[in-house]
Structures are given as C-alpha cells and as structure tokens.
Amino acid sequence: MVLAIYHKSKVFPKAEMYGLISQIRRAGVSVAANIAEGFKKRTKPEKKRFMNIAQGSLEECRYYLILSKDLGYADTSRLMEQLEEVSKLL
C-alpha cells in the first residue's frame, strides 16, 4: 500500500508537495512502520498499542485518499481497496 501511495501521489500538483503529498506519504509509512514495530513487541498490550496506532494512521490515509479523489488529483479506488485489505488484517 505504501508503494502505491508513493506512486499515485507523484501525479499530484507540485503545489501539494509540502501539503497533501507529504501527509499521505507520512501516514502510509506510519501504518507499515507501526505494524513492524508492534510485531516485535513482547507483550500483548504492547502489540495491541502499536496495531491501534497503525489503525489510526490507516484511517488518516483513508481521509487523504477521499480528499485526493474529491480534489480531482487521482483515481484512488484501487488504493482504497488495498487500504480495506490492510484494515481487515489489523
């Protein structure tokens, strides 16, 4: 999903470089990073905390994808499908 976000956001207007592009990429990376970090935690409460943070970042991504579509920057339907798959795993 993160790679797809980076690829799709390349077509966004350059004026969004420090706005929407930065935010959606940061949120996407956060999902994957928190899953990876949580995976190595030893206790269930620690693991749960990181998965919860990942879920929050995933919802942030969802909003940015909706906004990107509404602004006419890109068709985000495939990314939304990927986001749903990750959400089910979490």
PDB file of N, CA and C in Angstrom:
ATOM      1  N   MET A   1       0.821  -1.185   0.000  1.00  0.00           N
ATOM      2  CA  MET A   1       0.000   0.000   0.000  1.00  0.00           C
ATOM      3  C   MET A   1       0.870   1.257   0.000  1.00  0.00           C
ATOM      4  N   VAL A   2       1.941   1.240   0.780  1.00  0.00           N
ATOM      5  CA  VAL A   2       2.822   2.416   0.856  1.00  0.00           C
ATOM      6  C   VAL A   2       3.433   2.724  -0.509  1.00  0.00           C
ATOM      7  N   LEU A   3       3.882   1.692  -1.200  1.00  0.00           N
ATOM      8  CA  LEU A   3       4.473   1.899  -2.522  1.00  0.00           C
ATOM      9  C   LEU A   3       3.451   2.479  -3.492  1.00  0.00           C
ATOM     10  N   ALA A   4       2.220   1.991  -3.408  1.00  0.00           N
ATOM     11  CA  ALA A   4       1.151   2.501  -4.272  1.00  0.00           C
ATOM     12  C   ALA A   4       0.835   3.962  -3.949  1.00  0.00           C
ATOM     13  N   ILE A   5       0.876   4.322  -2.676  1.00  0.00           N
ATOM     14  CA  ILE A   5       0.648   5.717  -2.276  1.00  0.00           C
ATOM     15  C   ILE A   5       1.736   6.607  -2.859  1.00  0.00           C
ATOM     16  N   TYR A   6       2.979   6.183  -2.753  1.00  0.00           N
ATOM     17  CA  TYR A   6       4.082   6.980  -3.314  1.00  0.00           C
ATOM     18  C   TYR A   6       3.910   7.133  -4.828  1.00  0.00           C
ATOM     19  N   HIS A   7       3.586   6.036  -5.489  1.00  0.00           N
ATOM     20  CA  HIS A   7       3.423   6.068  -6.940  1.00  0.00           C
ATOM     21  C   HIS A   7       2.272   6.997  -7.346  1.00  0.00           C
ATOM     22  N   LYS A   8       1.134   6.836  -6.706  1.00  0.00           N
ATOM     23  CA  LYS A   8      -0.051   7.627  -7.058  1.00  0.00           C
ATOM     24  C   LYS A   8       0.150   9.110  -6.748  1.00  0.00           C
ATOM     25  N   SER A   9       0.812   9.419  -5.659  1.00  0.00           N
ATOM     26  CA  SER A   9       0.975  10.829  -5.271  1.00  0.00           C
ATOM     27  C   SER A   9       1.976  11.578  -6.144  1.00  0.00           C
ATOM     28  N   LYS A  10       2.711  10.862  -6.982  1.00  0.00           N
ATOM     29  CA  LYS A  10       3.637  11.527  -7.913  1.00  0.00           C
ATOM     30  C   LYS A  10       2.901  12.415  -8.912  1.00  0.00           C
ATOM     31  N   VAL A  11       1.628  12.101  -9.183  1.00  0.00           N
ATOM     32  CA  VAL A  11       0.871  12.872 -10.175  1.00  0.00           C
ATOM     33  C   VAL A  11       0.120  14.056  -9.553  1.00  0.00           C
ATOM     34  N   PHE A  12       0.183  14.192  -8.240  1.00  0.00           N
ATOM     35  CA  PHE A  12      -0.476  15.323  -7.586  1.00  0.00           C
ATOM     36  C   PHE A  12       0.216  16.618  -7.999  1.00  0.00           C
ATOM     37  N   PRO A  13      -0.481  17.735  -7.931  1.00  0.00           N
ATOM     38  CA  PRO A  13       0.137  19.019  -8.270  1.00  0.00           C
ATOM     39  C   PRO A  13       1.358  19.306  -7.388  1.00  0.00           C
ATOM     40  N   LYS A  14       2.358  19.911  -7.972  1.00  0.00           N
ATOM     41  CA  LYS A  14       3.583  20.242  -7.229  1.00  0.00           C
ATOM     42  C   LYS A  14       3.298  21.156  -6.042  1.00  0.00           C
ATOM     43  N   ALA A  15       2.229  21.922  -6.125  1.00  0.00           N
ATOM     44  CA  ALA A  15       1.850  22.814  -5.020  1.00  0.00           C
ATOM     45  C   ALA A  15       1.492  22.018  -3.759  1.00  0.00           C
ATOM     46  N   GLU A  16       1.214  20.733  -3.913  1.00  0.00           N
ATOM     47  CA  GLU A  16       0.865  19.881  -2.774  1.00  0.00           C
ATOM     48  C   GLU A  16       2.072  19.168  -2.165  1.00  0.00           C
ATOM     49  N   MET A  17       3.274  19.463  -2.662  1.00  0.00           N
ATOM     50  CA  MET A  17       4.478  18.763  -2.202  1.00  0.00           C
ATOM     51  C   MET A  17       4.621  18.789  -0.678  1.00  0.00           C
ATOM     52  N   TYR A  18       4.370  19.926  -0.060  1.00  0.00           N
ATOM     53  CA  TYR A  18       4.541  20.036   1.391  1.00  0.00           C
ATOM     54  C   TYR A  18       3.207  19.991   2.121  1.00  0.00           C
ATOM     55  N   GLY A  19       2.158  19.688   1.402  1.00  0.00           N
ATOM     56  CA  GLY A  19       0.830  19.567   1.982  1.00  0.00           C
ATOM     57  C   GLY A  19       0.348  18.135   1.898  1.00  0.00           C
ATOM     58  N   LEU A  20      -0.572  17.906   0.997  1.00  0.00           N
ATOM     59  CA  LEU A  20      -1.222  16.602   0.895  1.00  0.00           C
ATOM     60  C   LEU A  20      -0.251  15.469   0.563  1.00  0.00           C
ATOM     61  N   ILE A  21       0.681  15.699  -0.335  1.00  0.00           N
ATOM     62  CA  ILE A  21       1.643  14.638  -0.700  1.00  0.00           C
ATOM     63  C   ILE A  21       2.431  14.196   0.535  1.00  0.00           C
ATOM     64  N   SER A  22       2.946  15.158   1.256  1.00  0.00           N
ATOM     65  CA  SER A  22       3.723  14.857   2.457  1.00  0.00           C
ATOM     66  C   SER A  22       2.883  14.130   3.497  1.00  0.00           C
ATOM     67  N   GLN A  23       1.659  14.577   3.702  1.00  0.00           N
ATOM     68  CA  GLN A  23       0.793  13.995   4.716  1.00  0.00           C
ATOM     69  C   GLN A  23       0.382  12.564   4.388  1.00  0.00           C
ATOM     70  N   ILE A  24      -0.024  12.322   3.150  1.00  0.00           N
ATOM     71  CA  ILE A  24      -0.484  10.971   2.788  1.00  0.00           C
ATOM     72  C   ILE A  24       0.675   9.981   2.802  1.00  0.00           C
ATOM     73  N   ARG A  25       1.842  10.423   2.378  1.00  0.00           N
ATOM     74  CA  ARG A  25       3.002   9.533   2.414  1.00  0.00           C
ATOM     75  C   ARG A  25       3.406   9.232   3.854  1.00  0.00           C
ATOM     76  N   ARG A  26       3.410  10.251   4.699  1.00  0.00           N
ATOM     77  CA  ARG A  26       3.770  10.064   6.104  1.00  0.00           C
ATOM     78  C   ARG A  26       2.810   9.084   6.784  1.00  0.00           C
ATOM     79  N   ALA A  27       1.516   9.242   6.536  1.00  0.00           N
ATOM     80  CA  ALA A  27       0.521   8.364   7.147  1.00  0.00           C
ATOM     81  C   ALA A  27       0.677   6.928   6.648  1.00  0.00           C
ATOM     82  N   GLY A  28       0.935   6.765   5.357  1.00  0.00           N
ATOM     83  CA  GLY A  28       1.120   5.427   4.798  1.00  0.00           C
ATOM     84  C   GLY A  28       2.331   4.725   5.389  1.00  0.00           C
ATOM     85  N   VAL A  29       3.415   5.445   5.504  1.00  0.00           N
ATOM     86  CA  VAL A  29       4.626   4.877   6.097  1.00  0.00           C
ATOM     87  C   VAL A  29       4.371   4.530   7.561  1.00  0.00           C
ATOM     88  N   SER A  30       3.616   5.359   8.249  1.00  0.00           N
ATOM     89  CA  SER A  30       3.308   5.121   9.656  1.00  0.00           C
ATOM     90  C   SER A  30       2.545   3.821   9.859  1.00  0.00           C
ATOM     91  N   VAL A  31       1.630   3.507   8.952  1.00  0.00           N
ATOM     92  CA  VAL A  31       0.881   2.249   9.058  1.00  0.00           C
ATOM     93  C   VAL A  31       1.864   1.084   9.064  1.00  0.00           C
ATOM     94  N   ALA A  32       2.689   1.010   8.053  1.00  0.00           N
ATOM     95  CA  ALA A  32       3.628  -0.104   7.922  1.00  0.00           C
ATOM     96  C   ALA A  32       4.652  -0.138   9.061  1.00  0.00           C
ATOM     97  N   ALA A  33       5.154   1.021   9.441  1.00  0.00           N
ATOM     98  CA  ALA A  33       6.167   1.089  10.497  1.00  0.00           C
ATOM     99  C   ALA A  33       5.607   0.636  11.847  1.00  0.00           C
ATOM    100  N   ASN A  34       4.385   1.019  12.148  1.00  0.00           N
ATOM    101  CA  ASN A  34       3.801   0.614  13.426  1.00  0.00           C
ATOM    102  C   ASN A  34       3.451  -0.867  13.459  1.00  0.00           C
ATOM    103  N   ILE A  35       3.064  -1.422  12.326  1.00  0.00           N
ATOM    104  CA  ILE A  35       2.827  -2.866  12.257  1.00  0.00           C
ATOM    105  C   ILE A  35       4.145  -3.601  12.503  1.00  0.00           C
ATOM    106  N   ALA A  36       5.206  -3.148  11.851  1.00  0.00           N
ATOM    107  CA  ALA A  36       6.517  -3.787  12.012  1.00  0.00           C
ATOM    108  C   ALA A  36       7.020  -3.669  13.451  1.00  0.00           C
ATOM    109  N   GLU A  37       6.889  -2.488  14.025  1.00  0.00           N
ATOM    110  CA  GLU A  37       7.360  -2.294  15.396  1.00  0.00           C
ATOM    111  C   GLU A  37       6.535  -3.120  16.380  1.00  0.00           C
ATOM    112  N   GLY A  38       5.232  -3.126  16.192  1.00  0.00           N
ATOM    113  CA  GLY A  38       4.363  -3.897  17.075  1.00  0.00           C
ATOM    114  C   GLY A  38       4.616  -5.390  17.003  1.00  0.00           C
ATOM    115  N   PHE A  39       4.989  -5.855  15.830  1.00  0.00           N
ATOM    116  CA  PHE A  39       5.268  -7.271  15.631  1.00  0.00           C
ATOM    117  C   PHE A  39       6.356  -7.775  16.577  1.00  0.00           C
ATOM    118  N   LYS A  40       7.341  -6.943  16.857  1.00  0.00           N
ATOM    119  CA  LYS A  40       8.472  -7.348  17.684  1.00  0.00           C
ATOM    120  C   LYS A  40       8.258  -7.108  19.180  1.00  0.00           C
ATOM    121  N   LYS A  41       7.155  -6.497  19.557  1.00  0.00           N
ATOM    122  CA  LYS A  41       6.899  -6.275  20.981  1.00  0.00           C
ATOM    123  C   LYS A  41       6.566  -7.596  21.654  1.00  0.00           C
ATOM    124  N   ARG A  42       6.936  -7.708  22.899  1.00  0.00           N
ATOM    125  CA  ARG A  42       6.812  -8.987  23.595  1.00  0.00           C
ATOM    126  C   ARG A  42       5.440  -9.216  24.224  1.00  0.00           C
ATOM    127  N   THR A  43       4.823  -8.174  24.741  1.00  0.00           N
ATOM    128  CA  THR A  43       3.554  -8.377  25.439  1.00  0.00           C
ATOM    129  C   THR A  43       2.368  -8.030  24.548  1.00  0.00           C
ATOM    130  N   LYS A  44       1.241  -8.650  24.838  1.00  0.00           N
ATOM    131  CA  LYS A  44       0.033  -8.387  24.056  1.00  0.00           C
ATOM    132  C   LYS A  44      -0.420  -6.929  24.154  1.00  0.00           C
ATOM    133  N   PRO A  45      -0.382  -6.316  25.340  1.00  0.00           N
ATOM    134  CA  PRO A  45      -0.777  -4.900  25.398  1.00  0.00           C
ATOM    135  C   PRO A  45       0.107  -3.997  24.535  1.00  0.00           C
ATOM    136  N   GLU A  46       1.408  -4.282  24.495  1.00  0.00           N
ATOM    137  CA  GLU A  46       2.310  -3.506  23.637  1.00  0.00           C
ATOM    138  C   GLU A  46       1.965  -3.710  22.162  1.00  0.00           C
ATOM    139  N   LYS A  47       1.772  -4.961  21.775  1.00  0.00           N
ATOM    140  CA  LYS A  47       1.415  -5.261  20.384  1.00  0.00           C
ATOM    141  C   LYS A  47       0.115  -4.560  20.013  1.00  0.00           C
ATOM    142  N   LYS A  48      -0.865  -4.645  20.901  1.00  0.00           N
ATOM    143  CA  LYS A  48      -2.164  -4.031  20.652  1.00  0.00           C
ATOM    144  C   LYS A  48      -2.034  -2.519  20.479  1.00  0.00           C
ATOM    145  N   ARG A  49      -1.198  -1.900  21.294  1.00  0.00           N
ATOM    146  CA  ARG A  49      -0.992  -0.448  21.203  1.00  0.00           C
ATOM    147  C   ARG A  49      -0.478  -0.046  19.824  1.00  0.00           C
ATOM    148  N   PHE A  50       0.498  -0.755  19.308  1.00  0.00           N
ATOM    149  CA  PHE A  50       1.062  -0.408  18.004  1.00  0.00           C
ATOM    150  C   PHE A  50       0.093  -0.709  16.863  1.00  0.00           C
ATOM    151  N   MET A  51      -0.670  -1.776  16.989  1.00  0.00           N
ATOM    152  CA  MET A  51      -1.679  -2.068  15.960  1.00  0.00           C
ATOM    153  C   MET A  51      -2.769  -1.004  15.964  1.00  0.00           C
ATOM    154  N   ASN A  52      -3.088  -0.493  17.159  1.00  0.00           N
ATOM    155  CA  ASN A  52      -4.078   0.577  17.274  1.00  0.00           C
ATOM    156  C   ASN A  52      -3.568   1.864  16.627  1.00  0.00           C
ATOM    157  N   ILE A  53      -2.305   2.175  16.817  1.00  0.00           N
ATOM    158  CA  ILE A  53      -1.703   3.355  16.189  1.00  0.00           C
ATOM    159  C   ILE A  53      -1.721   3.184  14.668  1.00  0.00           C
ATOM    160  N   ALA A  54      -1.397   1.978  14.203  1.00  0.00           N
ATOM    161  CA  ALA A  54      -1.422   1.693  12.764  1.00  0.00           C
ATOM    162  C   ALA A  54      -2.828   1.892  12.205  1.00  0.00           C
ATOM    163  N   GLN A  55      -3.837   1.448  12.946  1.00  0.00           N
ATOM    164  CA  GLN A  55      -5.228   1.618  12.506  1.00  0.00           C
ATOM    165  C   GLN A  55      -5.581   3.101  12.407  1.00  0.00           C
ATOM    166  N   GLY A  56      -5.115   3.891  13.352  1.00  0.00           N
ATOM    167  CA  GLY A  56      -5.353   5.331  13.300  1.00  0.00           C
ATOM    168  C   GLY A  56      -4.724   5.963  12.070  1.00  0.00           C
ATOM    169  N   SER A  57      -3.502   5.578  11.758  1.00  0.00           N
ATOM    170  CA  SER A  57      -2.827   6.090  10.564  1.00  0.00           C
ATOM    171  C   SER A  57      -3.526   5.622   9.298  1.00  0.00           C
ATOM    172  N   LEU A  58      -4.071   4.421   9.340  1.00  0.00           N
ATOM    173  CA  LEU A  58      -4.809   3.894   8.197  1.00  0.00           C
ATOM    174  C   LEU A  58      -6.059   4.741   7.933  1.00  0.00           C
ATOM    175  N   GLU A  59      -6.744   5.136   8.981  1.00  0.00           N
ATOM    176  CA  GLU A  59      -7.930   5.977   8.823  1.00  0.00           C
ATOM    177  C   GLU A  59      -7.549   7.371   8.316  1.00  0.00           C
ATOM    178  N   GLU A  60      -6.391   7.845   8.735  1.00  0.00           N
ATOM    179  CA  GLU A  60      -5.874   9.109   8.224  1.00  0.00           C
ATOM    180  C   GLU A  60      -5.633   8.990   6.715  1.00  0.00           C
ATOM    181  N   CYS A  61      -5.044   7.873   6.295  1.00  0.00           N
ATOM    182  CA  CYS A  61      -4.829   7.612   4.864  1.00  0.00           C
ATOM    183  C   CYS A  61      -6.156   7.603   4.115  1.00  0.00           C
ATOM    184  N   ARG A  62      -7.162   6.973   4.722  1.00  0.00           N
ATOM    185  CA  ARG A  62      -8.477   6.902   4.088  1.00  0.00           C
ATOM    186  C   ARG A  62      -8.999   8.320   3.794  1.00  0.00           C
ATOM    187  N   TYR A  63      -8.886   9.190   4.776  1.00  0.00           N
ATOM    188  CA  TYR A  63      -9.339  10.565   4.578  1.00  0.00           C
ATOM    189  C   TYR A  63      -8.565  11.241   3.447  1.00  0.00           C
ATOM    190  N   TYR A  64      -7.250  11.082   3.434  1.00  0.00           N
ATOM    191  CA  TYR A  64      -6.434  11.717   2.394  1.00  0.00           C
ATOM    192  C   TYR A  64      -6.765  11.180   1.009  1.00  0.00           C
ATOM    193  N   LEU A  65      -7.080   9.901   0.915  1.00  0.00           N
ATOM    194  CA  LEU A  65      -7.466   9.330  -0.377  1.00  0.00           C
ATOM    195  C   LEU A  65      -8.810   9.891  -0.850  1.00  0.00           C
ATOM    196  N   ILE A  66      -9.742  10.033   0.069  1.00  0.00           N
ATOM    197  CA  ILE A  66     -11.037  10.632  -0.276  1.00  0.00           C
ATOM    198  C   ILE A  66     -10.829  12.073  -0.738  1.00  0.00           C
ATOM    199  N   LEU A  67     -10.018  12.813  -0.005  1.00  0.00           N
ATOM    200  CA  LEU A  67      -9.738  14.205  -0.362  1.00  0.00           C
ATOM    201  C   LEU A  67      -9.060  14.294  -1.726  1.00  0.00           C
ATOM    202  N   SER A  68      -8.097  13.421  -1.980  1.00  0.00           N
ATOM    203  CA  SER A  68      -7.388  13.409  -3.264  1.00  0.00           C
ATOM    204  C   SER A  68      -8.347  13.184  -4.423  1.00  0.00           C
ATOM    205  N   LYS A  69      -9.284  12.262  -4.222  1.00  0.00           N
ATOM    206  CA  LYS A  69     -10.285  11.987  -5.255  1.00  0.00           C
ATOM    207  C   LYS A  69     -11.201  13.193  -5.435  1.00  0.00           C
ATOM    208  N   ASP A  70     -11.681  13.759  -4.322  1.00  0.00           N
ATOM    209  CA  ASP A  70     -12.589  14.907  -4.383  1.00  0.00           C
ATOM    210  C   ASP A  70     -11.941  16.124  -5.043  1.00  0.00           C
ATOM    211  N   LEU A  71     -10.639  16.280  -4.857  1.00  0.00           N
ATOM    212  CA  LEU A  71      -9.917  17.396  -5.482  1.00  0.00           C
ATOM    213  C   LEU A  71      -9.588  17.118  -6.947  1.00  0.00           C
ATOM    214  N   GLY A  72      -9.840  15.892  -7.394  1.00  0.00           N
ATOM    215  CA  GLY A  72      -9.576  15.530  -8.782  1.00  0.00           C
ATOM    216  C   GLY A  72      -8.117  15.250  -9.085  1.00  0.00           C
ATOM    217  N   TYR A  73      -7.344  14.932  -8.051  1.00  0.00           N
ATOM    218  CA  TYR A  73      -5.919  14.681  -8.252  1.00  0.00           C
ATOM    219  C   TYR A  73      -5.649  13.290  -8.825  1.00  0.00           C
ATOM    220  N   ALA A  74      -6.471  12.304  -8.454  1.00  0.00           N
ATOM    221  CA  ALA A  74      -6.219  10.933  -8.906  1.00  0.00           C
ATOM    222  C   ALA A  74      -7.416  10.051  -8.611  1.00  0.00           C
ATOM    223  N   ASP A  75      -7.507   8.958  -9.363  1.00  0.00           N
ATOM    224  CA  ASP A  75      -8.482   7.917  -9.070  1.00  0.00           C
ATOM    225  C   ASP A  75      -7.864   7.055  -7.972  1.00  0.00           C
ATOM    226  N   THR A  76      -8.460   7.056  -6.816  1.00  0.00           N
ATOM    227  CA  THR A  76      -7.887   6.356  -5.675  1.00  0.00           C
ATOM    228  C   THR A  76      -8.624   5.056  -5.347  1.00  0.00           C
ATOM    229  N   SER A  77      -9.462   4.576  -6.254  1.00  0.00           N
ATOM    230  CA  SER A  77     -10.276   3.392  -5.963  1.00  0.00           C
ATOM    231  C   SER A  77      -9.433   2.154  -5.670  1.00  0.00           C
ATOM    232  N   ARG A  78      -8.379   1.936  -6.421  1.00  0.00           N
ATOM    233  CA  ARG A  78      -7.513   0.761  -6.182  1.00  0.00           C
ATOM    234  C   ARG A  78      -6.799   0.888  -4.836  1.00  0.00           C
ATOM    235  N   LEU A  79      -6.361   2.085  -4.520  1.00  0.00           N
ATOM    236  CA  LEU A  79      -5.720   2.297  -3.225  1.00  0.00           C
ATOM    237  C   LEU A  79      -6.697   2.063  -2.076  1.00  0.00           C
ATOM    238  N   MET A  80      -7.939   2.463  -2.275  1.00  0.00           N
ATOM    239  CA  MET A  80      -8.952   2.242  -1.237  1.00  0.00           C
ATOM    240  C   MET A  80      -9.175   0.741  -1.027  1.00  0.00           C
ATOM    241  N   GLU A  81      -9.110  -0.033  -2.096  1.00  0.00           N
ATOM    242  CA  GLU A  81      -9.232  -1.489  -1.973  1.00  0.00           C
ATOM    243  C   GLU A  81      -8.071  -2.056  -1.158  1.00  0.00           C
ATOM    244  N   GLN A  82      -6.875  -1.581  -1.432  1.00  0.00           N
ATOM    245  CA  GLN A  82      -5.705  -2.031  -0.682  1.00  0.00           C
ATOM    246  C   GLN A  82      -5.824  -1.628   0.787  1.00  0.00           C
ATOM    247  N   LEU A  83      -6.302  -0.422   1.015  1.00  0.00           N
ATOM    248  CA  LEU A  83      -6.484   0.069   2.372  1.00  0.00           C
ATOM    249  C   LEU A  83      -7.472  -0.842   3.123  1.00  0.00           C
ATOM    250  N   GLU A  84      -8.538  -1.242   2.462  1.00  0.00           N
ATOM    251  CA  GLU A  84      -9.522  -2.138   3.085  1.00  0.00           C
ATOM    252  C   GLU A  84      -8.899  -3.477   3.444  1.00  0.00           C
ATOM    253  N   GLU A  85      -8.030  -3.998   2.576  1.00  0.00           N
ATOM    254  CA  GLU A  85      -7.353  -5.267   2.861  1.00  0.00           C
ATOM    255  C   GLU A  85      -6.484  -5.148   4.097  1.00  0.00           C
ATOM    256  N   VAL A  86      -5.721  -4.059   4.188  1.00  0.00           N
ATOM    257  CA  VAL A  86      -4.865  -3.842   5.358  1.00  0.00           C
ATOM    258  C   VAL A  86      -5.730  -3.671   6.606  1.00  0.00           C
ATOM    259  N   SER A  87      -6.817  -2.952   6.484  1.00  0.00           N
ATOM    260  CA  SER A  87      -7.713  -2.731   7.617  1.00  0.00           C
ATOM    261  C   SER A  87      -8.254  -4.056   8.161  1.00  0.00           C
ATOM    262  N   LYS A  88      -8.624  -4.970   7.269  1.00  0.00           N
ATOM    263  CA  LYS A  88      -9.124  -6.278   7.702  1.00  0.00           C
ATOM    264  C   LYS A  88      -8.048  -7.072   8.439  1.00  0.00           C
ATOM    265  N   LEU A  89      -6.811  -6.934   7.987  1.00  0.00           N
ATOM    266  CA  LEU A  89      -5.707  -7.641   8.651  1.00  0.00           C
ATOM    267  C   LEU A  89      -5.455  -7.094  10.062  1.00  0.00           C
ATOM    268  N   LEU A  90      -5.648  -5.791  10.209  1.00  0.00           N
ATOM    269  CA  LEU A  90      -5.450  -5.196  11.529  1.00  0.00           C
ATOM    270  C   LEU A  90      -6.585  -5.557  12.462  1.00  0.00           C
TER     271      LEU A  90
END
